[in-house]
């Protein structure tokens, strides 16, 4: 029952993020605070294969690759978080690598997703223009939203909950042609 309650609370929190609006002229910190909140909530709605973790209590690594627009916002959002028994660990790196051990990889605008294709990482990008990620952030109607490429998620061995797919701005379904 506790797991159901926890998932319900997470779903409510995730849905609540959709209502956070930033004025068009608002400073970027609000936008990136919302994105940081999304990044620490996404793993509650994604299943990785058991082989993605070296041990039952191994950390779930949330990597920021390339330019880091978050500063301490992401560290603050991730502090004390656990996902299915895995502590959430924020790591920063300059370049993308398939063997970096990233479960979630947020790519700065200067990084392409190609190096992580098939790595098992939930690749998140900051804009559709640069993005070929599983999740791509979009600012629409002054709100931070996201699109999901469920086909790419499948190629990376990930299963994304229908709860997350239902709140996405758009979803490219599994089996869709590129």
N, C-alpha and C. Protein backbone atom coordinates (compact mmCIF):
# COMPACT_ATOMS: atom_id res chain seq x y z
N UNK A 1 0.81 -1.19 0.00
CA UNK A 1 0.00 0.00 0.00
C UNK A 1 0.86 1.26 0.00
N UNK A 2 1.99 1.21 0.71
CA UNK A 2 2.89 2.37 0.76
C UNK A 2 3.42 2.70 -0.63
N UNK A 3 3.73 1.68 -1.43
CA UNK A 3 4.25 1.90 -2.78
C UNK A 3 3.20 2.59 -3.65
N UNK A 4 1.93 2.18 -3.50
CA UNK A 4 0.85 2.80 -4.27
C UNK A 4 0.69 4.26 -3.87
N UNK A 5 0.73 4.52 -2.57
CA UNK A 5 0.62 5.89 -2.07
C UNK A 5 1.77 6.74 -2.57
N UNK A 6 2.98 6.19 -2.51
CA UNK A 6 4.16 6.92 -2.98
C UNK A 6 4.04 7.25 -4.46
N UNK A 7 3.61 6.29 -5.27
CA UNK A 7 3.45 6.53 -6.71
C UNK A 7 2.37 7.58 -6.97
N UNK A 8 1.29 7.52 -6.21
CA UNK A 8 0.22 8.50 -6.36
C UNK A 8 0.73 9.89 -6.03
N UNK A 9 1.49 10.00 -4.95
CA UNK A 9 2.07 11.30 -4.58
C UNK A 9 3.02 11.80 -5.65
N UNK A 10 3.83 10.91 -6.20
CA UNK A 10 4.77 11.31 -7.26
C UNK A 10 4.01 11.75 -8.51
N UNK A 11 2.94 11.02 -8.87
CA UNK A 11 2.14 11.40 -10.04
C UNK A 11 1.52 12.77 -9.83
N UNK A 12 1.03 13.01 -8.62
CA UNK A 12 0.44 14.30 -8.30
C UNK A 12 1.48 15.40 -8.39
N UNK A 13 2.66 15.14 -7.87
CA UNK A 13 3.74 16.14 -7.93
C UNK A 13 4.14 16.41 -9.37
N UNK A 14 4.25 15.35 -10.17
CA UNK A 14 4.64 15.53 -11.57
C UNK A 14 3.59 16.31 -12.33
N UNK A 15 2.32 16.00 -12.10
CA UNK A 15 1.25 16.73 -12.75
C UNK A 15 1.25 18.18 -12.29
N UNK A 16 1.53 18.40 -11.02
CA UNK A 16 1.60 19.76 -10.49
C UNK A 16 2.67 20.60 -11.16
N UNK A 17 3.75 19.96 -11.58
CA UNK A 17 4.82 20.70 -12.25
C UNK A 17 4.33 21.29 -13.57
N UNK A 18 3.36 20.65 -14.19
CA UNK A 18 2.83 21.16 -15.45
C UNK A 18 2.14 22.50 -15.27
N UNK A 19 1.69 22.78 -14.07
CA UNK A 19 0.99 24.03 -13.85
C UNK A 19 1.92 25.16 -13.44
N UNK A 20 3.20 24.85 -13.23
CA UNK A 20 4.15 25.91 -12.91
C UNK A 20 4.42 26.74 -14.15
N UNK A 21 3.99 27.93 -14.13
CA UNK A 21 4.19 28.80 -15.29
C UNK A 21 5.26 29.82 -14.96
N UNK A 22 6.09 30.10 -15.94
CA UNK A 22 7.10 31.13 -15.79
C UNK A 22 6.76 32.24 -16.77
N UNK A 23 6.71 33.48 -16.32
CA UNK A 23 6.46 34.57 -17.24
C UNK A 23 7.52 34.57 -18.34
N UNK A 24 7.14 35.05 -19.51
CA UNK A 24 8.04 35.01 -20.66
C UNK A 24 9.37 35.70 -20.37
N UNK A 25 9.35 36.73 -19.53
CA UNK A 25 10.58 37.45 -19.24
C UNK A 25 11.23 37.00 -17.94
N UNK A 26 10.77 35.89 -17.36
CA UNK A 26 11.34 35.41 -16.10
C UNK A 26 12.77 34.96 -16.31
N UNK A 27 13.55 35.05 -15.26
CA UNK A 27 14.94 34.63 -15.34
C UNK A 27 15.01 33.12 -15.52
N UNK A 28 16.08 32.67 -16.14
CA UNK A 28 16.28 31.24 -16.39
C UNK A 28 16.27 30.38 -15.13
N UNK A 29 16.67 30.89 -13.96
CA UNK A 29 16.68 30.01 -12.79
C UNK A 29 15.34 29.32 -12.51
N UNK A 30 14.22 30.01 -12.72
CA UNK A 30 12.93 29.37 -12.50
C UNK A 30 12.73 28.23 -13.50
N UNK A 31 13.07 28.47 -14.76
CA UNK A 31 12.95 27.43 -15.79
C UNK A 31 13.79 26.22 -15.41
N UNK A 32 15.01 26.46 -14.97
CA UNK A 32 15.89 25.33 -14.65
C UNK A 32 15.56 24.69 -13.31
N UNK A 33 14.92 25.42 -12.42
CA UNK A 33 14.43 24.80 -11.18
C UNK A 33 13.32 23.80 -11.52
N UNK A 34 12.44 24.16 -12.44
CA UNK A 34 11.37 23.26 -12.87
C UNK A 34 11.98 22.05 -13.58
N UNK A 35 12.94 22.29 -14.46
CA UNK A 35 13.59 21.18 -15.17
C UNK A 35 14.31 20.25 -14.20
N UNK A 36 14.95 20.82 -13.19
CA UNK A 36 15.62 20.00 -12.18
C UNK A 36 14.60 19.14 -11.43
N UNK A 37 13.45 19.72 -11.11
CA UNK A 37 12.40 18.96 -10.44
C UNK A 37 11.92 17.81 -11.31
N UNK A 38 11.75 18.07 -12.59
CA UNK A 38 11.37 16.99 -13.52
C UNK A 38 12.44 15.89 -13.53
N UNK A 39 13.69 16.29 -13.64
CA UNK A 39 14.77 15.30 -13.75
C UNK A 39 14.82 14.35 -12.55
N UNK A 40 14.51 14.84 -11.37
CA UNK A 40 14.55 13.95 -10.20
C UNK A 40 13.25 13.17 -10.05
N UNK A 41 12.19 13.56 -10.76
CA UNK A 41 10.92 12.81 -10.71
C UNK A 41 10.81 11.80 -11.86
N UNK A 42 11.45 12.05 -12.99
CA UNK A 42 11.37 11.12 -14.12
C UNK A 42 11.70 9.67 -13.73
N UNK A 43 12.74 9.41 -12.94
CA UNK A 43 13.08 8.01 -12.67
C UNK A 43 12.00 7.21 -11.94
N UNK A 44 11.06 7.89 -11.29
CA UNK A 44 9.96 7.18 -10.65
C UNK A 44 9.02 6.54 -11.68
N UNK A 45 9.13 6.97 -12.94
CA UNK A 45 8.24 6.52 -13.99
C UNK A 45 8.97 5.78 -15.11
N UNK A 46 10.19 5.35 -14.81
CA UNK A 46 11.00 4.63 -15.80
C UNK A 46 11.51 3.35 -15.15
N UNK A 47 11.47 2.27 -15.91
CA UNK A 47 12.05 1.01 -15.44
C UNK A 47 13.28 0.70 -16.28
N UNK A 48 14.39 0.47 -15.59
CA UNK A 48 15.63 0.06 -16.22
C UNK A 48 15.75 -1.45 -16.08
N UNK A 49 16.44 -2.10 -16.99
CA UNK A 49 16.64 -3.54 -16.82
C UNK A 49 17.50 -3.78 -15.58
N UNK A 50 17.32 -4.93 -14.90
CA UNK A 50 18.10 -5.21 -13.69
C UNK A 50 19.62 -5.11 -13.92
N UNK A 51 20.06 -5.39 -15.12
CA UNK A 51 21.50 -5.33 -15.41
C UNK A 51 22.05 -3.91 -15.41
N UNK A 52 21.17 -2.90 -15.34
CA UNK A 52 21.62 -1.51 -15.35
C UNK A 52 22.29 -1.11 -14.04
N UNK A 53 22.10 -1.91 -12.98
CA UNK A 53 22.65 -1.59 -11.67
C UNK A 53 23.61 -2.68 -11.23
N UNK A 54 24.75 -2.29 -10.71
CA UNK A 54 25.78 -3.25 -10.27
C UNK A 54 25.38 -3.98 -8.99
N UNK A 55 24.50 -3.36 -8.20
CA UNK A 55 24.03 -3.97 -6.95
C UNK A 55 22.63 -3.44 -6.65
N UNK A 56 21.94 -4.13 -5.75
CA UNK A 56 20.56 -3.76 -5.42
C UNK A 56 20.45 -2.33 -4.89
N UNK A 57 21.46 -1.85 -4.19
CA UNK A 57 21.42 -0.50 -3.62
C UNK A 57 22.39 0.45 -4.30
N UNK A 58 22.85 0.09 -5.51
CA UNK A 58 23.76 0.96 -6.27
C UNK A 58 23.04 2.27 -6.60
N UNK A 59 23.77 3.37 -6.69
CA UNK A 59 23.11 4.64 -6.99
C UNK A 59 22.54 4.68 -8.40
N UNK A 60 21.48 5.47 -8.54
CA UNK A 60 20.95 5.80 -9.85
C UNK A 60 21.64 7.10 -10.22
N UNK A 61 22.48 7.05 -11.25
CA UNK A 61 23.31 8.18 -11.61
C UNK A 61 22.60 9.11 -12.59
N UNK A 62 22.39 10.36 -12.16
CA UNK A 62 21.82 11.40 -12.98
C UNK A 62 23.00 12.27 -13.42
N UNK A 63 23.37 12.16 -14.69
CA UNK A 63 24.55 12.85 -15.20
C UNK A 63 24.16 14.09 -15.98
N UNK A 64 24.87 15.17 -15.74
CA UNK A 64 24.76 16.37 -16.55
C UNK A 64 26.02 16.38 -17.41
N UNK A 65 25.81 16.31 -18.72
CA UNK A 65 26.94 16.19 -19.63
C UNK A 65 27.06 17.46 -20.46
N UNK A 66 28.26 18.03 -20.47
CA UNK A 66 28.49 19.29 -21.19
C UNK A 66 28.13 20.47 -20.32
N UNK A 67 27.58 21.52 -20.96
CA UNK A 67 27.20 22.73 -20.23
C UNK A 67 26.20 22.40 -19.12
N UNK A 68 26.43 22.96 -17.93
CA UNK A 68 25.55 22.72 -16.79
C UNK A 68 24.75 23.98 -16.49
N UNK A 69 23.47 24.01 -16.87
CA UNK A 69 22.66 25.20 -16.61
C UNK A 69 22.04 25.23 -15.22
N UNK A 70 22.24 24.17 -14.42
CA UNK A 70 21.53 24.02 -13.16
C UNK A 70 22.22 24.63 -11.95
N UNK A 71 23.55 24.61 -11.92
CA UNK A 71 24.24 25.03 -10.72
C UNK A 71 23.81 24.13 -9.57
N UNK A 72 23.48 24.70 -8.42
CA UNK A 72 23.10 23.91 -7.26
C UNK A 72 21.63 23.47 -7.28
N UNK A 73 20.83 23.96 -8.24
CA UNK A 73 19.41 23.62 -8.29
C UNK A 73 19.17 22.12 -8.38
N UNK A 74 19.94 21.44 -9.22
CA UNK A 74 19.77 20.00 -9.40
C UNK A 74 20.22 19.24 -8.16
N UNK A 75 21.34 19.66 -7.58
CA UNK A 75 21.83 19.01 -6.36
C UNK A 75 20.81 19.14 -5.24
N UNK A 76 20.22 20.32 -5.11
CA UNK A 76 19.22 20.55 -4.07
C UNK A 76 17.98 19.69 -4.30
N UNK A 77 17.53 19.58 -5.55
CA UNK A 77 16.34 18.78 -5.87
C UNK A 77 16.59 17.29 -5.64
N UNK A 78 17.82 16.84 -5.87
CA UNK A 78 18.14 15.41 -5.75
C UNK A 78 18.52 15.00 -4.33
N UNK A 79 18.82 15.95 -3.48
CA UNK A 79 19.30 15.64 -2.13
C UNK A 79 18.33 14.72 -1.39
N UNK A 80 18.85 13.58 -0.94
CA UNK A 80 18.07 12.64 -0.15
C UNK A 80 17.08 11.78 -0.92
N UNK A 81 17.00 11.94 -2.24
CA UNK A 81 16.04 11.18 -3.04
C UNK A 81 16.50 9.74 -3.22
N UNK A 82 15.55 8.82 -3.18
CA UNK A 82 15.80 7.41 -3.48
C UNK A 82 14.73 6.95 -4.46
N UNK A 83 15.16 6.13 -5.43
CA UNK A 83 14.25 5.58 -6.43
C UNK A 83 14.38 4.07 -6.40
N UNK A 84 13.32 3.40 -5.98
CA UNK A 84 13.29 1.94 -5.92
C UNK A 84 14.53 1.38 -5.21
N UNK A 85 14.89 2.01 -4.09
CA UNK A 85 16.02 1.56 -3.28
C UNK A 85 17.37 2.05 -3.75
N UNK A 86 17.40 2.85 -4.80
CA UNK A 86 18.66 3.39 -5.32
C UNK A 86 18.77 4.87 -4.95
N UNK A 87 19.83 5.25 -4.23
CA UNK A 87 20.01 6.68 -3.96
C UNK A 87 20.30 7.42 -5.26
N UNK A 88 19.76 8.61 -5.39
CA UNK A 88 19.95 9.41 -6.59
C UNK A 88 21.26 10.19 -6.44
N UNK A 89 22.18 9.98 -7.38
CA UNK A 89 23.49 10.65 -7.34
C UNK A 89 23.64 11.53 -8.58
N UNK A 90 23.98 12.79 -8.37
CA UNK A 90 24.21 13.73 -9.48
C UNK A 90 25.69 13.72 -9.81
N UNK A 91 25.98 13.53 -11.09
CA UNK A 91 27.36 13.56 -11.57
C UNK A 91 27.44 14.54 -12.74
N UNK A 92 28.57 15.18 -12.87
CA UNK A 92 28.79 16.11 -13.99
C UNK A 92 30.01 15.65 -14.77
N UNK A 93 29.89 15.71 -16.09
CA UNK A 93 31.01 15.32 -16.95
C UNK A 93 31.02 16.17 -18.21
N UNK A 94 32.19 16.25 -18.81
CA UNK A 94 32.35 17.09 -20.00
C UNK A 94 31.86 16.41 -21.26
N UNK A 95 32.09 15.10 -21.40
CA UNK A 95 31.73 14.41 -22.63
C UNK A 95 30.85 13.20 -22.36
N UNK A 96 30.08 12.83 -23.36
CA UNK A 96 29.20 11.66 -23.27
C UNK A 96 29.97 10.40 -23.62
N UNK A 97 29.68 9.35 -22.87
CA UNK A 97 30.32 8.06 -23.11
C UNK A 97 29.35 6.96 -22.73
N UNK A 98 29.28 5.92 -23.55
CA UNK A 98 28.37 4.80 -23.30
C UNK A 98 28.69 4.08 -21.99
N UNK A 99 29.94 4.11 -21.58
CA UNK A 99 30.34 3.37 -20.38
C UNK A 99 30.48 4.26 -19.14
N UNK A 100 29.85 5.44 -19.15
CA UNK A 100 29.97 6.38 -18.03
C UNK A 100 29.11 5.98 -16.83
N UNK A 101 28.21 5.03 -17.01
CA UNK A 101 27.37 4.60 -15.89
C UNK A 101 26.20 5.51 -15.60
N UNK A 102 25.78 6.28 -16.59
CA UNK A 102 24.66 7.20 -16.41
C UNK A 102 23.34 6.46 -16.62
N UNK A 103 22.42 6.61 -15.68
CA UNK A 103 21.08 6.07 -15.85
C UNK A 103 20.18 7.13 -16.49
N UNK A 104 20.41 8.38 -16.11
CA UNK A 104 19.76 9.53 -16.74
C UNK A 104 20.89 10.44 -17.20
N UNK A 105 20.83 10.89 -18.44
CA UNK A 105 21.86 11.77 -18.96
C UNK A 105 21.19 13.03 -19.51
N UNK A 106 21.37 14.15 -18.80
CA UNK A 106 20.90 15.43 -19.31
C UNK A 106 22.02 16.01 -20.15
N UNK A 107 21.71 16.28 -21.42
CA UNK A 107 22.73 16.78 -22.33
C UNK A 107 22.64 18.29 -22.46
N UNK A 108 23.76 18.94 -22.23
CA UNK A 108 23.84 20.37 -22.47
C UNK A 108 23.70 20.63 -23.96
N UNK A 109 23.48 21.88 -24.32
CA UNK A 109 23.26 22.24 -25.72
C UNK A 109 24.45 21.94 -26.61
N UNK A 110 25.61 21.72 -26.01
CA UNK A 110 26.82 21.47 -26.79
C UNK A 110 27.10 19.97 -27.00
N UNK A 111 26.17 19.10 -26.62
CA UNK A 111 26.40 17.65 -26.67
C UNK A 111 25.34 16.98 -27.53
N UNK A 112 25.75 16.05 -28.37
CA UNK A 112 24.81 15.27 -29.18
C UNK A 112 24.55 13.93 -28.50
N UNK A 113 23.38 13.38 -28.72
CA UNK A 113 22.95 12.14 -28.06
C UNK A 113 23.54 10.88 -28.69
N UNK A 114 24.17 11.00 -29.84
CA UNK A 114 24.65 9.82 -30.57
C UNK A 114 25.53 8.90 -29.72
N UNK A 115 26.39 9.47 -28.91
CA UNK A 115 27.32 8.66 -28.11
C UNK A 115 26.61 7.81 -27.07
N UNK A 116 25.37 8.14 -26.76
CA UNK A 116 24.64 7.41 -25.72
C UNK A 116 23.56 6.48 -26.28
N UNK A 117 23.41 6.46 -27.59
CA UNK A 117 22.39 5.61 -28.20
C UNK A 117 22.64 4.15 -27.85
N UNK A 118 21.63 3.47 -27.33
CA UNK A 118 21.76 2.07 -26.96
C UNK A 118 22.50 1.82 -25.66
N UNK A 119 22.76 2.88 -24.90
CA UNK A 119 23.55 2.74 -23.67
C UNK A 119 22.72 2.34 -22.46
N UNK A 120 21.41 2.39 -22.56
CA UNK A 120 20.55 2.11 -21.42
C UNK A 120 20.24 3.35 -20.60
N UNK A 121 20.68 4.51 -21.08
CA UNK A 121 20.45 5.76 -20.35
C UNK A 121 19.16 6.42 -20.82
N UNK A 122 18.46 7.05 -19.89
CA UNK A 122 17.34 7.91 -20.23
C UNK A 122 17.96 9.24 -20.63
N UNK A 123 18.05 9.50 -21.93
CA UNK A 123 18.69 10.71 -22.43
C UNK A 123 17.65 11.82 -22.47
N UNK A 124 17.99 12.94 -21.81
CA UNK A 124 17.09 14.09 -21.73
C UNK A 124 17.83 15.28 -22.34
N UNK A 125 17.16 15.97 -23.27
CA UNK A 125 17.78 17.13 -23.89
C UNK A 125 16.99 18.38 -23.53
N UNK A 126 17.59 19.51 -23.81
CA UNK A 126 17.02 20.78 -23.41
C UNK A 126 16.13 21.42 -24.47
N UNK A 127 16.13 20.89 -25.68
CA UNK A 127 15.30 21.48 -26.73
C UNK A 127 15.20 20.52 -27.89
N UNK A 128 14.08 20.57 -28.57
CA UNK A 128 13.91 19.70 -29.74
C UNK A 128 14.92 20.01 -30.83
N UNK A 129 15.35 21.27 -30.90
CA UNK A 129 16.31 21.65 -31.94
C UNK A 129 17.61 20.87 -31.81
N UNK A 130 18.05 20.63 -30.58
CA UNK A 130 19.29 19.89 -30.38
C UNK A 130 19.01 18.44 -30.05
N UNK A 131 17.76 18.15 -29.78
CA UNK A 131 17.45 16.88 -29.15
C UNK A 131 17.13 15.73 -30.05
N UNK A 132 17.74 14.66 -29.71
CA UNK A 132 17.31 13.36 -30.20
C UNK A 132 17.32 12.46 -28.98
N UNK A 133 16.82 13.03 -27.89
CA UNK A 133 16.78 12.30 -26.64
C UNK A 133 15.48 11.53 -26.48
N UNK A 134 15.43 10.73 -25.45
CA UNK A 134 14.21 10.02 -25.11
C UNK A 134 13.19 11.05 -24.63
N UNK A 135 13.64 11.99 -23.82
CA UNK A 135 12.79 13.09 -23.35
C UNK A 135 13.45 14.40 -23.77
N UNK A 136 12.64 15.27 -24.34
CA UNK A 136 13.13 16.58 -24.77
C UNK A 136 12.29 17.66 -24.11
N UNK A 137 12.95 18.54 -23.34
CA UNK A 137 12.24 19.66 -22.73
C UNK A 137 11.83 20.66 -23.80
N UNK A 138 10.66 21.25 -23.61
CA UNK A 138 10.12 22.27 -24.50
C UNK A 138 9.46 23.32 -23.62
N UNK A 139 9.63 24.58 -23.94
CA UNK A 139 8.88 25.63 -23.25
C UNK A 139 7.75 26.03 -24.18
N UNK A 140 6.52 25.77 -23.74
CA UNK A 140 5.34 26.08 -24.56
C UNK A 140 4.34 26.81 -23.68
N UNK A 141 3.81 27.91 -24.20
CA UNK A 141 2.86 28.73 -23.44
C UNK A 141 3.43 29.11 -22.08
N UNK A 142 4.70 29.45 -22.05
CA UNK A 142 5.41 29.86 -20.84
C UNK A 142 5.47 28.78 -19.78
N UNK A 143 5.39 27.53 -20.17
CA UNK A 143 5.49 26.41 -19.24
C UNK A 143 6.53 25.42 -19.74
N UNK A 144 7.23 24.85 -18.80
CA UNK A 144 8.19 23.80 -19.15
C UNK A 144 7.40 22.53 -19.34
N UNK A 145 7.50 21.97 -20.53
CA UNK A 145 6.83 20.72 -20.89
C UNK A 145 7.89 19.79 -21.46
N UNK A 146 7.48 18.64 -21.94
CA UNK A 146 8.43 17.71 -22.53
C UNK A 146 7.74 16.81 -23.54
N UNK A 147 8.53 16.32 -24.47
CA UNK A 147 8.08 15.31 -25.41
C UNK A 147 8.82 14.02 -25.08
N UNK A 148 8.26 12.89 -25.51
CA UNK A 148 8.88 11.59 -25.24
C UNK A 148 8.98 10.82 -26.54
N UNK A 149 10.14 10.22 -26.77
CA UNK A 149 10.35 9.31 -27.89
C UNK A 149 10.39 7.90 -27.29
N UNK A 150 9.22 7.24 -27.22
CA UNK A 150 9.13 5.93 -26.59
C UNK A 150 9.85 4.86 -27.42
N UNK A 151 9.95 5.08 -28.71
CA UNK A 151 10.70 4.15 -29.57
C UNK A 151 12.18 4.16 -29.16
N UNK A 152 12.73 5.34 -28.96
CA UNK A 152 14.13 5.47 -28.54
C UNK A 152 14.31 4.89 -27.13
N UNK A 153 13.32 5.06 -26.27
CA UNK A 153 13.37 4.45 -24.93
C UNK A 153 13.50 2.94 -25.06
N UNK A 154 12.70 2.34 -25.94
CA UNK A 154 12.76 0.89 -26.15
C UNK A 154 14.13 0.46 -26.66
N UNK A 155 14.71 1.24 -27.56
CA UNK A 155 16.05 0.93 -28.08
C UNK A 155 17.10 0.98 -26.97
N UNK A 156 16.86 1.79 -25.95
CA UNK A 156 17.78 1.89 -24.82
C UNK A 156 17.42 0.92 -23.70
N UNK A 157 16.43 0.06 -23.93
CA UNK A 157 16.05 -0.95 -22.94
C UNK A 157 15.23 -0.41 -21.79
N UNK A 158 14.57 0.72 -22.00
CA UNK A 158 13.81 1.39 -20.94
C UNK A 158 12.31 1.21 -21.16
N UNK A 159 11.57 1.11 -20.08
CA UNK A 159 10.12 1.09 -20.13
C UNK A 159 9.61 2.33 -19.41
N UNK A 160 8.86 3.16 -20.10
CA UNK A 160 8.34 4.39 -19.52
C UNK A 160 6.87 4.18 -19.16
N UNK A 161 6.53 4.55 -17.95
CA UNK A 161 5.17 4.39 -17.44
C UNK A 161 4.18 5.20 -18.27
N UNK A 162 2.99 4.65 -18.42
CA UNK A 162 1.93 5.37 -19.13
C UNK A 162 1.57 6.66 -18.40
N UNK A 163 1.81 6.72 -17.09
CA UNK A 163 1.53 7.94 -16.33
C UNK A 163 2.40 9.09 -16.83
N UNK A 164 3.65 8.81 -17.13
CA UNK A 164 4.54 9.85 -17.65
C UNK A 164 4.19 10.16 -19.11
N UNK A 165 3.90 9.13 -19.89
CA UNK A 165 3.53 9.34 -21.29
C UNK A 165 2.26 10.20 -21.40
N UNK A 166 1.33 10.01 -20.46
CA UNK A 166 0.07 10.75 -20.51
C UNK A 166 0.23 12.24 -20.24
N UNK A 167 1.28 12.66 -19.55
CA UNK A 167 1.45 14.09 -19.27
C UNK A 167 2.44 14.74 -20.24
N UNK A 168 2.98 13.96 -21.17
CA UNK A 168 3.90 14.51 -22.17
C UNK A 168 3.14 15.36 -23.17
N UNK A 169 3.81 16.35 -23.71
CA UNK A 169 3.23 17.20 -24.74
C UNK A 169 2.94 16.38 -25.99
N UNK A 170 3.86 15.48 -26.34
CA UNK A 170 3.65 14.54 -27.44
C UNK A 170 4.51 13.31 -27.19
N UNK A 171 4.10 12.20 -27.79
CA UNK A 171 4.80 10.93 -27.64
C UNK A 171 5.00 10.30 -29.00
N UNK A 172 6.24 9.95 -29.30
CA UNK A 172 6.51 9.14 -30.49
C UNK A 172 6.43 7.69 -30.02
N UNK A 173 5.40 6.95 -30.48
CA UNK A 173 5.18 5.61 -29.93
C UNK A 173 6.21 4.58 -30.40
N UNK A 174 6.29 3.51 -29.65
CA UNK A 174 7.14 2.38 -30.04
C UNK A 174 6.66 1.84 -31.38
N UNK A 175 7.61 1.43 -32.19
CA UNK A 175 7.26 0.90 -33.50
C UNK A 175 7.12 1.96 -34.56
N UNK A 176 7.27 3.23 -34.19
CA UNK A 176 7.17 4.32 -35.17
C UNK A 176 8.43 4.35 -36.03
N UNK A 177 8.28 4.67 -37.27
CA UNK A 177 9.45 4.75 -38.15
C UNK A 177 10.14 6.07 -38.00
N UNK A 178 11.42 6.07 -38.18
CA UNK A 178 12.22 7.31 -38.07
C UNK A 178 12.16 8.02 -39.34
